[in-house]
C-alpha atoms as a PDB file:
ATOM      1  CA  MET A   1      24.846  -0.845  11.270  1.00  0.00           C
ATOM      2  CA  SER A   2      21.781   1.291  10.604  1.00  0.00           C
ATOM      3  CA  ASP A   3      19.303   1.210   7.765  1.00  0.00           C
ATOM      4  CA  GLN A   4      20.314   3.509   6.118  1.00  0.00           C
ATOM      5  CA  ALA A   5      23.466   1.914   5.600  1.00  0.00           C
ATOM      6  CA  ASP A   6      22.528  -1.319   4.318  1.00  0.00           C
ATOM      7  CA  SER A   7      20.086   0.264   1.853  1.00  0.00           C
ATOM      8  CA  PHE A   8      20.159   2.445  -1.687  1.00  0.00           C
ATOM      9  CA  ALA A   9      16.701   3.944   0.031  1.00  0.00           C
ATOM     10  CA  SER A  10      18.680   7.660  -0.139  1.00  0.00           C
ATOM     11  CA  PHE A  11      20.385   7.214  -3.427  1.00  0.00           C
ATOM     12  CA  GLY A  12      15.829   8.163  -4.377  1.00  0.00           C
ATOM     13  CA  VAL A  13      14.117   5.011  -6.373  1.00  0.00           C
ATOM     14  CA  THR A  14      15.618   6.023  -9.633  1.00  0.00           C
ATOM     15  CA  TYR A  15      19.241   5.226  -9.356  1.00  0.00           C
ATOM     16  CA  GLN A  16      17.575   1.799  -8.196  1.00  0.00           C
ATOM     17  CA  GLU A  17      15.652   1.254 -11.170  1.00  0.00           C
ATOM     18  CA  LYS A  18      18.854   1.757 -13.207  1.00  0.00           C
ATOM     19  CA  VAL A  19      21.540  -0.272 -10.771  1.00  0.00           C
ATOM     20  CA  THR A  20      18.803  -2.912 -11.747  1.00  0.00           C
ATOM     21  CA  GLN A  21      18.645  -2.072 -15.122  1.00  0.00           C
ATOM     22  CA  ALA A  22      22.416  -2.321 -15.622  1.00  0.00           C
ATOM     23  CA  ILE A  23      22.550  -5.291 -13.755  1.00  0.00           C
ATOM     24  CA  LEU A  24      20.044  -6.818 -16.413  1.00  0.00           C
ATOM     25  CA  THR A  25      21.534  -5.469 -19.734  1.00  0.00           C
ATOM     26  CA  ASP A  26      25.191  -6.308 -18.523  1.00  0.00           C
ATOM     27  CA  PRO A  27      26.234  -9.762 -17.837  1.00  0.00           C
ATOM     28  CA  LEU A  28      30.203  -8.044 -16.529  1.00  0.00           C
ATOM     29  CA  PHE A  29      28.232  -5.744 -14.307  1.00  0.00           C
ATOM     30  CA  ALA A  30      25.613  -7.927 -13.295  1.00  0.00           C
ATOM     31  CA  GLU A  31      29.350 -10.591 -12.626  1.00  0.00           C
ATOM     32  CA  GLN A  32      30.604  -8.194 -10.429  1.00  0.00           C
ATOM     33  CA  MET A  33      28.255  -7.419  -8.676  1.00  0.00           C
ATOM     34  CA  ALA A  34      27.009 -11.155  -8.135  1.00  0.00           C
ATOM     35  CA  ASP A  35      28.807 -11.029  -4.726  1.00  0.00           C
ATOM     36  CA  LEU A  36      27.882  -7.479  -3.072  1.00  0.00           C
ATOM     37  CA  LEU A  37      24.518  -6.748  -4.021  1.00  0.00           C
ATOM     38  CA  LEU A  38      21.587  -8.121  -1.898  1.00  0.00           C
ATOM     39  CA  PRO A  39      17.911  -7.971  -2.698  1.00  0.00           C
ATOM     40  CA  LYS A  40      17.375  -6.219   0.570  1.00  0.00           C
ATOM     41  CA  TYR A  41      19.432  -2.810  -0.413  1.00  0.00           C
ATOM     42  CA  PHE A  42      16.353  -2.581  -2.835  1.00  0.00           C
ATOM     43  CA  GLU A  43      13.740  -0.495  -0.812  1.00  0.00           C
ATOM     44  CA  LEU A  44      11.039  -1.348  -3.239  1.00  0.00           C
ATOM     45  CA  GLY A  45      10.187  -4.566  -3.628  1.00  0.00           C
ATOM     46  CA  TYR A  46       9.844  -5.110  -6.528  1.00  0.00           C
ATOM     47  CA  LEU A  47      13.146  -4.046  -6.968  1.00  0.00           C
ATOM     48  CA  GLN A  48      14.103  -6.271  -4.855  1.00  0.00           C
ATOM     49  CA  GLU A  49      11.936  -9.453  -6.584  1.00  0.00           C
ATOM     50  CA  ILE A  50      13.921  -9.190  -9.917  1.00  0.00           C
ATOM     51  CA  VAL A  51      17.301  -8.434  -8.611  1.00  0.00           C
ATOM     52  CA  GLU A  52      16.077 -11.659  -6.129  1.00  0.00           C
ATOM     53  CA  LYS A  53      15.152 -13.715  -8.987  1.00  0.00           C
ATOM     54  CA  PHE A  54      17.987 -13.276 -11.363  1.00  0.00           C
ATOM     55  CA  TYR A  55      20.505 -14.341  -9.104  1.00  0.00           C
ATOM     56  CA  THR A  56      18.843 -16.753  -7.870  1.00  0.00           C
ATOM     57  CA  HIS A  57      18.457 -18.483 -11.735  1.00  0.00           C
ATOM     58  CA  ARG A  58      22.635 -17.504 -12.035  1.00  0.00           C
ATOM     59  CA  GLN A  59      22.981 -19.993  -8.858  1.00  0.00           C
ATOM     60  CA  LYS A  60      20.829 -22.104  -9.775  1.00  0.00           C
ATOM     61  CA  PHE A  61      21.802 -22.852 -13.178  1.00  0.00           C
ATOM     62  CA  LYS A  62      25.185 -21.570 -13.569  1.00  0.00           C
ATOM     63  CA  THR A  63      24.330 -18.574 -16.490  1.00  0.00           C
ATOM     64  CA  PHE A  64      22.176 -15.499 -16.068  1.00  0.00           C
ATOM     65  CA  PRO A  65      18.859 -15.464 -17.311  1.00  0.00           C
ATOM     66  CA  SER A  66      19.177 -14.538 -21.302  1.00  0.00           C
ATOM     67  CA  PRO A  67      16.810 -11.330 -22.141  1.00  0.00           C
END
């Protein structure tokens, strides 16, 4: 696959930020995306870091971080 197919870069930064926001604020969406969404799909390092830490917390503590 090409790099473009393995990322959200073609959708733009605003889309990537909204996906991240949805993961952080909607536990049902976050659960549905848990096995599908990889941090490497995000173009920007800070979004990759947020998603990685969020799902690492879930894996370690069996629950999503609370706000």
